[in-house]
Amino acid sequence: MTRYLISFDEGAMTFPEKDLPAVAEAAHAVVQEAMDASVWVFGGGLYSHEKASVVATDGTVTEGPLPDGKAYIGGLSVVDVPSREEALDWAAKIAVACRCSQDVREFMPDPAVGN
């Protein structure tokens, strides 16, 4: 099994506010489906990048996002699946539920989790 990050950019979920309950319900249904299929690792939405903190290599903490950042993750899911094709299938389900395109990236092998 291989872990994949499925994510979307902050601000990508553009739909009328009245649709938020339906989007949330659809997103929760996909998460439950992934949990039932035993492929769900974790995931969630993120607060605005404006609330980020940056920790430098010397330990200095600066409030606010990296100054040169262009795209910020708005939400993410991590799935553990046997193939890229299956990761793309889960991303498609998430894209429909969240009403926005999803980026799919494979994690590098991690000896701590056995892949």
PDB file of N, CA and C in Angstrom:
ATOM      1  N   MET A   1       0.850  -1.182   0.000  1.00  0.00           N
ATOM      2  CA  MET A   1       0.000   0.000   0.000  1.00  0.00           C
ATOM      3  C   MET A   1       0.892   1.239   0.000  1.00  0.00           C
ATOM      4  N   THR A   2       0.400   2.279  -0.637  1.00  0.00           N
ATOM      5  CA  THR A   2       1.126   3.534  -0.746  1.00  0.00           C
ATOM      6  C   THR A   2       0.212   4.667  -0.293  1.00  0.00           C
ATOM      7  N   ARG A   3       0.800   5.615   0.397  1.00  0.00           N
ATOM      8  CA  ARG A   3       0.022   6.772   0.859  1.00  0.00           C
ATOM      9  C   ARG A   3       0.062   7.886  -0.185  1.00  0.00           C
ATOM     10  N   TYR A   4      -1.089   8.511  -0.348  1.00  0.00           N
ATOM     11  CA  TYR A   4      -1.239   9.628  -1.279  1.00  0.00           C
ATOM     12  C   TYR A   4      -1.872  10.802  -0.552  1.00  0.00           C
ATOM     13  N   LEU A   5      -1.379  11.986  -0.871  1.00  0.00           N
ATOM     14  CA  LEU A   5      -1.974  13.227  -0.389  1.00  0.00           C
ATOM     15  C   LEU A   5      -2.929  13.714  -1.466  1.00  0.00           C
ATOM     16  N   ILE A   6      -4.158  13.930  -1.092  1.00  0.00           N
ATOM     17  CA  ILE A   6      -5.172  14.507  -1.983  1.00  0.00           C
ATOM     18  C   ILE A   6      -5.523  15.851  -1.364  1.00  0.00           C
ATOM     19  N   SER A   7      -5.310  16.936  -2.100  1.00  0.00           N
ATOM     20  CA  SER A   7      -5.511  18.261  -1.502  1.00  0.00           C
ATOM     21  C   SER A   7      -6.082  19.239  -2.512  1.00  0.00           C
ATOM     22  N   PHE A   8      -6.563  20.349  -1.974  1.00  0.00           N
ATOM     23  CA  PHE A   8      -7.034  21.445  -2.827  1.00  0.00           C
ATOM     24  C   PHE A   8      -6.556  22.757  -2.242  1.00  0.00           C
ATOM     25  N   ASP A   9      -6.441  23.745  -3.112  1.00  0.00           N
ATOM     26  CA  ASP A   9      -5.945  25.061  -2.704  1.00  0.00           C
ATOM     27  C   ASP A   9      -7.000  25.837  -1.926  1.00  0.00           C
ATOM     28  N   GLU A  10      -6.511  26.636  -0.997  1.00  0.00           N
ATOM     29  CA  GLU A  10      -7.380  27.548  -0.256  1.00  0.00           C
ATOM     30  C   GLU A  10      -8.121  28.423  -1.259  1.00  0.00           C
ATOM     31  N   GLY A  11      -9.401  28.587  -1.065  1.00  0.00           N
ATOM     32  CA  GLY A  11     -10.210  29.413  -1.953  1.00  0.00           C
ATOM     33  C   GLY A  11     -10.768  28.669  -3.154  1.00  0.00           C
ATOM     34  N   ALA A  12     -10.414  27.387  -3.312  1.00  0.00           N
ATOM     35  CA  ALA A  12     -10.883  26.629  -4.475  1.00  0.00           C
ATOM     36  C   ALA A  12     -12.348  26.235  -4.364  1.00  0.00           C
ATOM     37  N   MET A  13     -12.842  26.136  -3.145  1.00  0.00           N
ATOM     38  CA  MET A  13     -14.234  25.742  -2.949  1.00  0.00           C
ATOM     39  C   MET A  13     -15.121  26.980  -3.108  1.00  0.00           C
ATOM     40  N   THR A  14     -15.529  27.212  -4.333  1.00  0.00           N
ATOM     41  CA  THR A  14     -16.362  28.388  -4.617  1.00  0.00           C
ATOM     42  C   THR A  14     -17.759  27.919  -5.021  1.00  0.00           C
ATOM     43  N   PHE A  15     -18.680  28.087  -4.099  1.00  0.00           N
ATOM     44  CA  PHE A  15     -20.070  27.746  -4.331  1.00  0.00           C
ATOM     45  C   PHE A  15     -20.898  28.645  -3.415  1.00  0.00           C
ATOM     46  N   PRO A  16     -22.171  28.803  -3.705  1.00  0.00           N
ATOM     47  CA  PRO A  16     -23.006  29.653  -2.845  1.00  0.00           C
ATOM     48  C   PRO A  16     -23.015  29.136  -1.405  1.00  0.00           C
ATOM     49  N   GLU A  17     -22.986  30.045  -0.456  1.00  0.00           N
ATOM     50  CA  GLU A  17     -22.947  29.664   0.956  1.00  0.00           C
ATOM     51  C   GLU A  17     -24.116  28.765   1.343  1.00  0.00           C
ATOM     52  N   LYS A  18     -25.237  28.938   0.679  1.00  0.00           N
ATOM     53  CA  LYS A  18     -26.405  28.099   0.978  1.00  0.00           C
ATOM     54  C   LYS A  18     -26.148  26.623   0.664  1.00  0.00           C
ATOM     55  N   ASP A  19     -25.130  26.342  -0.171  1.00  0.00           N
ATOM     56  CA  ASP A  19     -24.794  24.958  -0.529  1.00  0.00           C
ATOM     57  C   ASP A  19     -23.846  24.292   0.470  1.00  0.00           C
ATOM     58  N   LEU A  20     -23.333  25.060   1.439  1.00  0.00           N
ATOM     59  CA  LEU A  20     -22.356  24.516   2.373  1.00  0.00           C
ATOM     60  C   LEU A  20     -22.847  23.259   3.100  1.00  0.00           C
ATOM     61  N   PRO A  21     -24.073  23.211   3.615  1.00  0.00           N
ATOM     62  CA  PRO A  21     -24.506  21.979   4.287  1.00  0.00           C
ATOM     63  C   PRO A  21     -24.472  20.755   3.357  1.00  0.00           C
ATOM     64  N   ALA A  22     -24.863  20.914   2.112  1.00  0.00           N
ATOM     65  CA  ALA A  22     -24.845  19.792   1.168  1.00  0.00           C
ATOM     66  C   ALA A  22     -23.423  19.364   0.854  1.00  0.00           C
ATOM     67  N   VAL A  23     -22.515  20.334   0.708  1.00  0.00           N
ATOM     68  CA  VAL A  23     -21.109  20.017   0.441  1.00  0.00           C
ATOM     69  C   VAL A  23     -20.505  19.294   1.646  1.00  0.00           C
ATOM     70  N   ALA A  24     -20.776  19.791   2.846  1.00  0.00           N
ATOM     71  CA  ALA A  24     -20.256  19.145   4.047  1.00  0.00           C
ATOM     72  C   ALA A  24     -20.782  17.716   4.170  1.00  0.00           C
ATOM     73  N   GLU A  25     -22.044  17.517   3.907  1.00  0.00           N
ATOM     74  CA  GLU A  25     -22.632  16.180   3.976  1.00  0.00           C
ATOM     75  C   GLU A  25     -21.978  15.253   2.950  1.00  0.00           C
ATOM     76  N   ALA A  26     -21.783  15.746   1.731  1.00  0.00           N
ATOM     77  CA  ALA A  26     -21.154  14.936   0.681  1.00  0.00           C
ATOM     78  C   ALA A  26     -19.704  14.600   1.047  1.00  0.00           C
ATOM     79  N   ALA A  27     -18.983  15.576   1.579  1.00  0.00           N
ATOM     80  CA  ALA A  27     -17.587  15.348   1.967  1.00  0.00           C
ATOM     81  C   ALA A  27     -17.501  14.332   3.098  1.00  0.00           C
ATOM     82  N   HIS A  28     -18.372  14.455   4.085  1.00  0.00           N
ATOM     83  CA  HIS A  28     -18.377  13.498   5.198  1.00  0.00           C
ATOM     84  C   HIS A  28     -18.733  12.093   4.711  1.00  0.00           C
ATOM     85  N   ALA A  29     -19.607  12.008   3.717  1.00  0.00           N
ATOM     86  CA  ALA A  29     -19.978  10.700   3.164  1.00  0.00           C
ATOM     87  C   ALA A  29     -18.782  10.037   2.477  1.00  0.00           C
ATOM     88  N   VAL A  30     -17.985  10.817   1.749  1.00  0.00           N
ATOM     89  CA  VAL A  30     -16.795  10.254   1.092  1.00  0.00           C
ATOM     90  C   VAL A  30     -15.791   9.804   2.143  1.00  0.00           C
ATOM     91  N   VAL A  31     -15.601  10.602   3.187  1.00  0.00           N
ATOM     92  CA  VAL A  31     -14.692  10.204   4.262  1.00  0.00           C
ATOM     93  C   VAL A  31     -15.168   8.896   4.890  1.00  0.00           C
ATOM     94  N   GLN A  32     -16.449   8.792   5.153  1.00  0.00           N
ATOM     95  CA  GLN A  32     -16.980   7.554   5.745  1.00  0.00           C
ATOM     96  C   GLN A  32     -16.764   6.377   4.805  1.00  0.00           C
ATOM     97  N   GLU A  33     -16.972   6.598   3.512  1.00  0.00           N
ATOM     98  CA  GLU A  33     -16.746   5.541   2.527  1.00  0.00           C
ATOM     99  C   GLU A  33     -15.283   5.091   2.543  1.00  0.00           C
ATOM    100  N   ALA A  34     -14.360   6.051   2.623  1.00  0.00           N
ATOM    101  CA  ALA A  34     -12.932   5.724   2.671  1.00  0.00           C
ATOM    102  C   ALA A  34     -12.589   4.995   3.964  1.00  0.00           C
ATOM    103  N   MET A  35     -13.209   5.396   5.069  1.00  0.00           N
ATOM    104  CA  MET A  35     -12.985   4.707   6.342  1.00  0.00           C
ATOM    105  C   MET A  35     -13.508   3.278   6.264  1.00  0.00           C
ATOM    106  N   ASP A  36     -14.702   3.116   5.692  1.00  0.00           N
ATOM    107  CA  ASP A  36     -15.281   1.780   5.550  1.00  0.00           C
ATOM    108  C   ASP A  36     -14.424   0.888   4.657  1.00  0.00           C
ATOM    109  N   ALA A  37     -13.740   1.496   3.679  1.00  0.00           N
ATOM    110  CA  ALA A  37     -12.860   0.749   2.770  1.00  0.00           C
ATOM    111  C   ALA A  37     -11.459   0.545   3.363  1.00  0.00           C
ATOM    112  N   SER A  38     -11.244   1.067   4.568  1.00  0.00           N
ATOM    113  CA  SER A  38      -9.953   0.956   5.278  1.00  0.00           C
ATOM    114  C   SER A  38      -8.791   1.581   4.518  1.00  0.00           C
ATOM    115  N   VAL A  39      -9.068   2.680   3.793  1.00  0.00           N
ATOM    116  CA  VAL A  39      -7.999   3.398   3.085  1.00  0.00           C
ATOM    117  C   VAL A  39      -7.747   4.777   3.678  1.00  0.00           C
ATOM    118  N   TRP A  40      -8.630   5.233   4.553  1.00  0.00           N
ATOM    119  CA  TRP A  40      -8.522   6.571   5.141  1.00  0.00           C
ATOM    120  C   TRP A  40      -7.413   6.589   6.186  1.00  0.00           C
ATOM    121  N   VAL A  41      -6.480   7.555   6.082  1.00  0.00           N
ATOM    122  CA  VAL A  41      -5.446   7.736   7.093  1.00  0.00           C
ATOM    123  C   VAL A  41      -5.817   8.926   7.966  1.00  0.00           C
ATOM    124  N   PHE A  42      -5.979  10.098   7.356  1.00  0.00           N
ATOM    125  CA  PHE A  42      -6.483  11.274   8.056  1.00  0.00           C
ATOM    126  C   PHE A  42      -6.743  12.372   7.045  1.00  0.00           C
ATOM    127  N   GLY A  43      -7.342  13.453   7.502  1.00  0.00           N
ATOM    128  CA  GLY A  43      -7.601  14.584   6.624  1.00  0.00           C
ATOM    129  C   GLY A  43      -8.335  15.673   7.361  1.00  0.00           C
ATOM    130  N   GLY A  44      -8.566  16.766   6.656  1.00  0.00           N
ATOM    131  CA  GLY A  44      -9.322  17.864   7.233  1.00  0.00           C
ATOM    132  C   GLY A  44      -9.122  19.151   6.467  1.00  0.00           C
ATOM    133  N   GLY A  45      -9.945  20.114   6.805  1.00  0.00           N
ATOM    134  CA  GLY A  45      -9.816  21.451   6.234  1.00  0.00           C
ATOM    135  C   GLY A  45      -8.895  22.289   7.106  1.00  0.00           C
ATOM    136  N   LEU A  46      -8.318  23.299   6.516  1.00  0.00           N
ATOM    137  CA  LEU A  46      -7.388  24.165   7.233  1.00  0.00           C
ATOM    138  C   LEU A  46      -7.938  25.582   7.334  1.00  0.00           C
ATOM    139  N   TYR A  47      -7.637  26.235   8.450  1.00  0.00           N
ATOM    140  CA  TYR A  47      -7.975  27.647   8.580  1.00  0.00           C
ATOM    141  C   TYR A  47      -7.144  28.442   7.582  1.00  0.00           C
ATOM    142  N   SER A  48      -7.513  29.691   7.362  1.00  0.00           N
ATOM    143  CA  SER A  48      -6.832  30.566   6.415  1.00  0.00           C
ATOM    144  C   SER A  48      -5.326  30.606   6.656  1.00  0.00           C
ATOM    145  N   HIS A  49      -4.578  30.718   5.577  1.00  0.00           N
ATOM    146  CA  HIS A  49      -3.112  30.818   5.681  1.00  0.00           C
ATOM    147  C   HIS A  49      -2.697  32.059   6.460  1.00  0.00           C
ATOM    148  N   GLU A  50      -3.578  33.027   6.583  1.00  0.00           N
ATOM    149  CA  GLU A  50      -3.279  34.241   7.342  1.00  0.00           C
ATOM    150  C   GLU A  50      -3.071  33.933   8.826  1.00  0.00           C
ATOM    151  N   LYS A  51      -3.584  32.776   9.283  1.00  0.00           N
ATOM    152  CA  LYS A  51      -3.429  32.391  10.687  1.00  0.00           C
ATOM    153  C   LYS A  51      -2.216  31.492  10.910  1.00  0.00           C
ATOM    154  N   ALA A  52      -1.401  31.329   9.884  1.00  0.00           N
ATOM    155  CA  ALA A  52      -0.232  30.456   9.983  1.00  0.00           C
ATOM    156  C   ALA A  52       0.879  31.120  10.789  1.00  0.00           C
ATOM    157  N   SER A  53       1.778  30.300  11.272  1.00  0.00           N
ATOM    158  CA  SER A  53       3.017  30.757  11.906  1.00  0.00           C
ATOM    159  C   SER A  53       4.161  30.093  11.155  1.00  0.00           C
ATOM    160  N   VAL A  54       5.250  30.807  11.007  1.00  0.00           N
ATOM    161  CA  VAL A  54       6.431  30.277  10.336  1.00  0.00           C
ATOM    162  C   VAL A  54       7.537  30.141  11.371  1.00  0.00           C
ATOM    163  N   VAL A  55       8.121  28.947  11.440  1.00  0.00           N
ATOM    164  CA  VAL A  55       9.223  28.693  12.356  1.00  0.00           C
ATOM    165  C   VAL A  55      10.488  28.544  11.522  1.00  0.00           C
ATOM    166  N   ALA A  56      11.446  29.438  11.754  1.00  0.00           N
ATOM    167  CA  ALA A  56      12.703  29.439  11.003  1.00  0.00           C
ATOM    168  C   ALA A  56      13.643  28.355  11.521  1.00  0.00           C
ATOM    169  N   THR A  57      14.701  28.110  10.785  1.00  0.00           N
ATOM    170  CA  THR A  57      15.668  27.076  11.182  1.00  0.00           C
ATOM    171  C   THR A  57      16.344  27.389  12.511  1.00  0.00           C
ATOM    172  N   ASP A  58      16.356  28.666  12.921  1.00  0.00           N
ATOM    173  CA  ASP A  58      16.945  29.017  14.218  1.00  0.00           C
ATOM    174  C   ASP A  58      15.907  29.021  15.335  1.00  0.00           C
ATOM    175  N   GLY A  59      14.672  28.620  15.022  1.00  0.00           N
ATOM    176  CA  GLY A  59      13.616  28.560  16.024  1.00  0.00           C
ATOM    177  C   GLY A  59      12.793  29.822  16.153  1.00  0.00           C
ATOM    178  N   THR A  60      13.147  30.879  15.431  1.00  0.00           N
ATOM    179  CA  THR A  60      12.390  32.127  15.473  1.00  0.00           C
ATOM    180  C   THR A  60      10.997  31.904  14.886  1.00  0.00           C
ATOM    181  N   VAL A  61       9.987  32.395  15.595  1.00  0.00           N
ATOM    182  CA  VAL A  61       8.607  32.248  15.150  1.00  0.00           C
ATOM    183  C   VAL A  61       8.095  33.586  14.639  1.00  0.00           C
ATOM    184  N   THR A  62       7.549  33.570  13.430  1.00  0.00           N
ATOM    185  CA  THR A  62       6.937  34.749  12.838  1.00  0.00           C
ATOM    186  C   THR A  62       5.468  34.441  12.593  1.00  0.00           C
ATOM    187  N   GLU A  63       4.604  35.322  13.049  1.00  0.00           N
ATOM    188  CA  GLU A  63       3.171  35.124  12.819  1.00  0.00           C
ATOM    189  C   GLU A  63       2.826  35.552  11.404  1.00  0.00           C
ATOM    190  N   GLY A  64       2.028  34.737  10.732  1.00  0.00           N
ATOM    191  CA  GLY A  64       1.631  35.007   9.353  1.00  0.00           C
ATOM    192  C   GLY A  64       2.292  34.018   8.416  1.00  0.00           C
ATOM    193  N   PRO A  65       1.807  33.961   7.175  1.00  0.00           N
ATOM    194  CA  PRO A  65       2.306  32.976   6.222  1.00  0.00           C
ATOM    195  C   PRO A  65       3.699  33.328   5.703  1.00  0.00           C
ATOM    196  N   LEU A  66       4.298  32.351   5.031  1.00  0.00           N
ATOM    197  CA  LEU A  66       5.561  32.623   4.343  1.00  0.00           C
ATOM    198  C   LEU A  66       5.337  33.775   3.376  1.00  0.00           C
ATOM    199  N   PRO A  67       6.251  34.744   3.326  1.00  0.00           N
ATOM    200  CA  PRO A  67       6.018  35.929   2.489  1.00  0.00           C
ATOM    201  C   PRO A  67       5.986  35.639   0.997  1.00  0.00           C
ATOM    202  N   ASP A  68       6.643  34.573   0.545  1.00  0.00           N
ATOM    203  CA  ASP A  68       6.690  34.319  -0.888  1.00  0.00           C
ATOM    204  C   ASP A  68       5.714  33.239  -1.334  1.00  0.00           C
ATOM    205  N   GLY A  69       4.824  32.820  -0.437  1.00  0.00           N
ATOM    206  CA  GLY A  69       3.874  31.769  -0.790  1.00  0.00           C
ATOM    207  C   GLY A  69       2.867  32.238  -1.829  1.00  0.00           C
ATOM    208  N   LYS A  70       2.545  31.365  -2.760  1.00  0.00           N
ATOM    209  CA  LYS A  70       1.581  31.705  -3.800  1.00  0.00           C
ATOM    210  C   LYS A  70       0.303  30.890  -3.677  1.00  0.00           C
ATOM    211  N   ALA A  71       0.446  29.619  -3.308  1.00  0.00           N
ATOM    212  CA  ALA A  71      -0.717  28.753  -3.141  1.00  0.00           C
ATOM    213  C   ALA A  71      -0.656  28.135  -1.755  1.00  0.00           C
ATOM    214  N   TYR A  72      -1.793  28.033  -1.137  1.00  0.00           N
ATOM    215  CA  TYR A  72      -1.877  27.479   0.201  1.00  0.00           C
ATOM    216  C   TYR A  72      -2.892  26.353   0.201  1.00  0.00           C
ATOM    217  N   ILE A  73      -2.597  25.288   0.923  1.00  0.00           N
ATOM    218  CA  ILE A  73      -3.522  24.166   1.003  1.00  0.00           C
ATOM    219  C   ILE A  73      -4.747  24.587   1.808  1.00  0.00           C
ATOM    220  N   GLY A  74      -5.921  24.299   1.273  1.00  0.00           N
ATOM    221  CA  GLY A  74      -7.171  24.612   1.954  1.00  0.00           C
ATOM    222  C   GLY A  74      -7.744  23.413   2.686  1.00  0.00           C
ATOM    223  N   GLY A  75      -7.416  22.223   2.188  1.00  0.00           N
ATOM    224  CA  GLY A  75      -7.888  20.995   2.803  1.00  0.00           C
ATOM    225  C   GLY A  75      -7.118  19.827   2.246  1.00  0.00           C
ATOM    226  N   LEU A  76      -7.122  18.732   2.989  1.00  0.00           N
ATOM    227  CA  LEU A  76      -6.341  17.582   2.546  1.00  0.00           C
ATOM    228  C   LEU A  76      -6.930  16.289   3.055  1.00  0.00           C
ATOM    229  N   SER A  77      -6.595  15.232   2.348  1.00  0.00           N
ATOM    230  CA  SER A  77      -6.924  13.873   2.738  1.00  0.00           C
ATOM    231  C   SER A  77      -5.693  13.033   2.468  1.00  0.00           C
ATOM    232  N   VAL A  78      -5.449  12.066   3.320  1.00  0.00           N
ATOM    233  CA  VAL A  78      -4.382  11.103   3.086  1.00  0.00           C
ATOM    234  C   VAL A  78      -5.038   9.733   3.031  1.00  0.00           C
ATOM    235  N   VAL A  79      -4.790   9.030   1.926  1.00  0.00           N
ATOM    236  CA  VAL A  79      -5.319   7.685   1.755  1.00  0.00           C
ATOM    237  C   VAL A  79      -4.160   6.722   1.557  1.00  0.00           C
ATOM    238  N   ASP A  80      -4.373   5.493   1.945  1.00  0.00           N
ATOM    239  CA  ASP A  80      -3.373   4.436   1.808  1.00  0.00           C
ATOM    240  C   ASP A  80      -3.992   3.375   0.907  1.00  0.00           C
ATOM    241  N   VAL A  81      -3.548   3.349  -0.346  1.00  0.00           N
ATOM    242  CA  VAL A  81      -4.173   2.508  -1.368  1.00  0.00           C
ATOM    243  C   VAL A  81      -3.109   1.741  -2.151  1.00  0.00           C
ATOM    244  N   PRO A  82      -3.513   0.673  -2.848  1.00  0.00           N
ATOM    245  CA  PRO A  82      -2.542  -0.141  -3.559  1.00  0.00           C
ATOM    246  C   PRO A  82      -2.021   0.448  -4.872  1.00  0.00           C
ATOM    247  N   SER A  83      -2.694   1.461  -5.412  1.00  0.00           N
ATOM    248  CA  SER A  83      -2.252   1.976  -6.716  1.00  0.00           C
ATOM    249  C   SER A  83      -2.596   3.456  -6.886  1.00  0.00           C
ATOM    250  N   ARG A  84      -1.869   4.083  -7.799  1.00  0.00           N
ATOM    251  CA  ARG A  84      -2.150   5.473  -8.145  1.00  0.00           C
ATOM    252  C   ARG A  84      -3.563   5.610  -8.708  1.00  0.00           C
ATOM    253  N   GLU A  85      -3.975   4.629  -9.489  1.00  0.00           N
ATOM    254  CA  GLU A  85      -5.312   4.671 -10.080  1.00  0.00           C
ATOM    255  C   GLU A  85      -6.383   4.732  -8.997  1.00  0.00           C
ATOM    256  N   GLU A  86      -6.200   3.963  -7.924  1.00  0.00           N
ATOM    257  CA  GLU A  86      -7.172   4.014  -6.835  1.00  0.00           C
ATOM    258  C   GLU A  86      -7.134   5.364  -6.125  1.00  0.00           C
ATOM    259  N   ALA A  87      -5.942   5.942  -5.966  1.00  0.00           N
ATOM    260  CA  ALA A  87      -5.837   7.282  -5.372  1.00  0.00           C
ATOM    261  C   ALA A  87      -6.575   8.298  -6.241  1.00  0.00           C
ATOM    262  N   LEU A  88      -6.437   8.160  -7.554  1.00  0.00           N
ATOM    263  CA  LEU A  88      -7.142   9.075  -8.465  1.00  0.00           C
ATOM    264  C   LEU A  88      -8.648   8.883  -8.369  1.00  0.00           C
ATOM    265  N   ASP A  89      -9.093   7.645  -8.176  1.00  0.00           N
ATOM    266  CA  ASP A  89     -10.531   7.395  -8.000  1.00  0.00           C
ATOM    267  C   ASP A  89     -11.060   8.081  -6.738  1.00  0.00           C
ATOM    268  N   TRP A  90     -10.295   7.998  -5.633  1.00  0.00           N
ATOM    269  CA  TRP A  90     -10.715   8.667  -4.400  1.00  0.00           C
ATOM    270  C   TRP A  90     -10.702  10.177  -4.580  1.00  0.00           C
ATOM    271  N   ALA A  91      -9.690  10.694  -5.288  1.00  0.00           N
ATOM    272  CA  ALA A  91      -9.630  12.139  -5.546  1.00  0.00           C
ATOM    273  C   ALA A  91     -10.841  12.598  -6.352  1.00  0.00           C
ATOM    274  N   ALA A  92     -11.281  11.775  -7.291  1.00  0.00           N
ATOM    275  CA  ALA A  92     -12.462  12.124  -8.085  1.00  0.00           C
ATOM    276  C   ALA A  92     -13.702  12.209  -7.201  1.00  0.00           C
ATOM    277  N   LYS A  93     -13.828  11.276  -6.269  1.00  0.00           N
ATOM    278  CA  LYS A  93     -14.975  11.309  -5.353  1.00  0.00           C
ATOM    279  C   LYS A  93     -14.926  12.560  -4.473  1.00  0.00           C
ATOM    280  N   ILE A  94     -13.740  12.897  -4.007  1.00  0.00           N
ATOM    281  CA  ILE A  94     -13.576  14.089  -3.167  1.00  0.00           C
ATOM    282  C   ILE A  94     -13.849  15.351  -3.985  1.00  0.00           C
ATOM    283  N   ALA A  95     -13.384  15.369  -5.227  1.00  0.00           N
ATOM    284  CA  ALA A  95     -13.617  16.536  -6.088  1.00  0.00           C
ATOM    285  C   ALA A  95     -15.106  16.789  -6.287  1.00  0.00           C
ATOM    286  N   VAL A  96     -15.859  15.729  -6.503  1.00  0.00           N
ATOM    287  CA  VAL A  96     -17.309  15.875  -6.667  1.00  0.00           C
ATOM    288  C   VAL A  96     -17.925  16.394  -5.370  1.00  0.00           C
ATOM    289  N   ALA A  97     -17.557  15.796  -4.249  1.00  0.00           N
ATOM    290  CA  ALA A  97     -18.134  16.177  -2.956  1.00  0.00           C
ATOM    291  C   ALA A  97     -17.807  17.622  -2.602  1.00  0.00           C
ATOM    292  N   CYS A  98     -16.555  18.021  -2.798  1.00  0.00           N
ATOM    293  CA  CYS A  98     -16.103  19.360  -2.407  1.00  0.00           C
ATOM    294  C   CYS A  98     -16.300  20.411  -3.500  1.00  0.00           C
ATOM    295  N   ARG A  99     -16.686  19.943  -4.678  1.00  0.00           N
ATOM    296  CA  ARG A  99     -16.941  20.833  -5.810  1.00  0.00           C
ATOM    297  C   ARG A  99     -15.708  21.624  -6.224  1.00  0.00           C
ATOM    298  N   CYS A 100     -14.547  20.973  -6.160  1.00  0.00           N
ATOM    299  CA  CYS A 100     -13.320  21.614  -6.633  1.00  0.00           C
ATOM    300  C   CYS A 100     -12.284  20.552  -7.003  1.00  0.00           C
ATOM    301  N   SER A 101     -11.395  20.925  -7.885  1.00  0.00           N
ATOM    302  CA  SER A 101     -10.341  20.026  -8.334  1.00  0.00           C
ATOM    303  C   SER A 101      -9.427  19.637  -7.182  1.00  0.00           C
ATOM    304  N   GLN A 102      -8.836  18.463  -7.293  1.00  0.00           N
ATOM    305  CA  GLN A 102      -7.954  17.927  -6.259  1.00  0.00           C
ATOM    306  C   GLN A 102      -6.577  17.643  -6.848  1.00  0.00           C
ATOM    307  N   ASP A 103      -5.550  17.900  -6.072  1.00  0.00           N
ATOM    308  CA  ASP A 103      -4.174  17.591  -6.437  1.00  0.00           C
ATOM    309  C   ASP A 103      -3.834  16.260  -5.784  1.00  0.00           C
ATOM    310  N   VAL A 104      -3.200  15.356  -6.525  1.00  0.00           N
ATOM    311  CA  VAL A 104      -2.856  14.037  -5.997  1.00  0.00           C
ATOM    312  C   VAL A 104      -1.344  13.870  -6.072  1.00  0.00           C
ATOM    313  N   ARG A 105      -0.740  13.583  -4.908  1.00  0.00           N
ATOM    314  CA  ARG A 105       0.709  13.393  -4.842  1.00  0.00           C
ATOM    315  C   ARG A 105       1.030  12.197  -3.962  1.00  0.00           C
ATOM    316  N   GLU A 106       1.979  11.389  -4.437  1.00  0.00           N
ATOM    317  CA  GLU A 106       2.406  10.206  -3.697  1.00  0.00           C
ATOM    318  C   GLU A 106       3.432  10.600  -2.645  1.00  0.00           C
ATOM    319  N   PHE A 107       3.288  10.027  -1.442  1.00  0.00           N
ATOM    320  CA  PHE A 107       4.294  10.227  -0.409  1.00  0.00           C
ATOM    321  C   PHE A 107       5.533   9.404  -0.748  1.00  0.00           C
ATOM    322  N   MET A 108       6.684   9.913  -0.377  1.00  0.00           N
ATOM    323  CA  MET A 108       7.916   9.140  -0.489  1.00  0.00           C
ATOM    324  C   MET A 108       7.852   7.995   0.520  1.00  0.00           C
ATOM    325  N   PRO A 109       8.594   6.916   0.285  1.00  0.00           N
ATOM    326  CA  PRO A 109       8.582   5.805   1.241  1.00  0.00           C
ATOM    327  C   PRO A 109       8.999   6.270   2.633  1.00  0.00           C
ATOM    328  N   ASP A 110       8.329   5.731   3.637  1.00  0.00           N
ATOM    329  CA  ASP A 110       8.602   6.063   5.036  1.00  0.00           C
ATOM    330  C   ASP A 110       8.837   4.768   5.796  1.00  0.00           C
ATOM    331  N   PRO A 111      10.068   4.489   6.188  1.00  0.00           N
ATOM    332  CA  PRO A 111      10.324   3.230   6.884  1.00  0.00           C
ATOM    333  C   PRO A 111       9.539   3.081   8.185  1.00  0.00           C
ATOM    334  N   ALA A 112       9.102   4.181   8.762  1.00  0.00           N
ATOM    335  CA  ALA A 112       8.340   4.109  10.014  1.00  0.00           C
ATOM    336  C   ALA A 112       6.962   3.504   9.821  1.00  0.00           C
ATOM    337  N   VAL A 113       6.412   3.596   8.596  1.00  0.00           N
ATOM    338  CA  VAL A 113       5.083   3.035   8.336  1.00  0.00           C
ATOM    339  C   VAL A 113       5.156   1.837   7.405  1.00  0.00           C
ATOM    340  N   GLY A 114       6.350   1.385   7.091  1.00  0.00           N
ATOM    341  CA  GLY A 114       6.514   0.167   6.329  1.00  0.00           C
ATOM    342  C   GLY A 114       6.265   0.252   4.845  1.00  0.00           C
ATOM    343  N   ASN A 115       6.370   1.453   4.251  1.00  0.00           N
ATOM    344  CA  ASN A 115       6.263   1.526   2.776  1.00  0.00           C
ATOM    345  C   ASN A 115       7.348   2.358   2.199  1.00  0.00           C
TER     346      ASN A 115
END
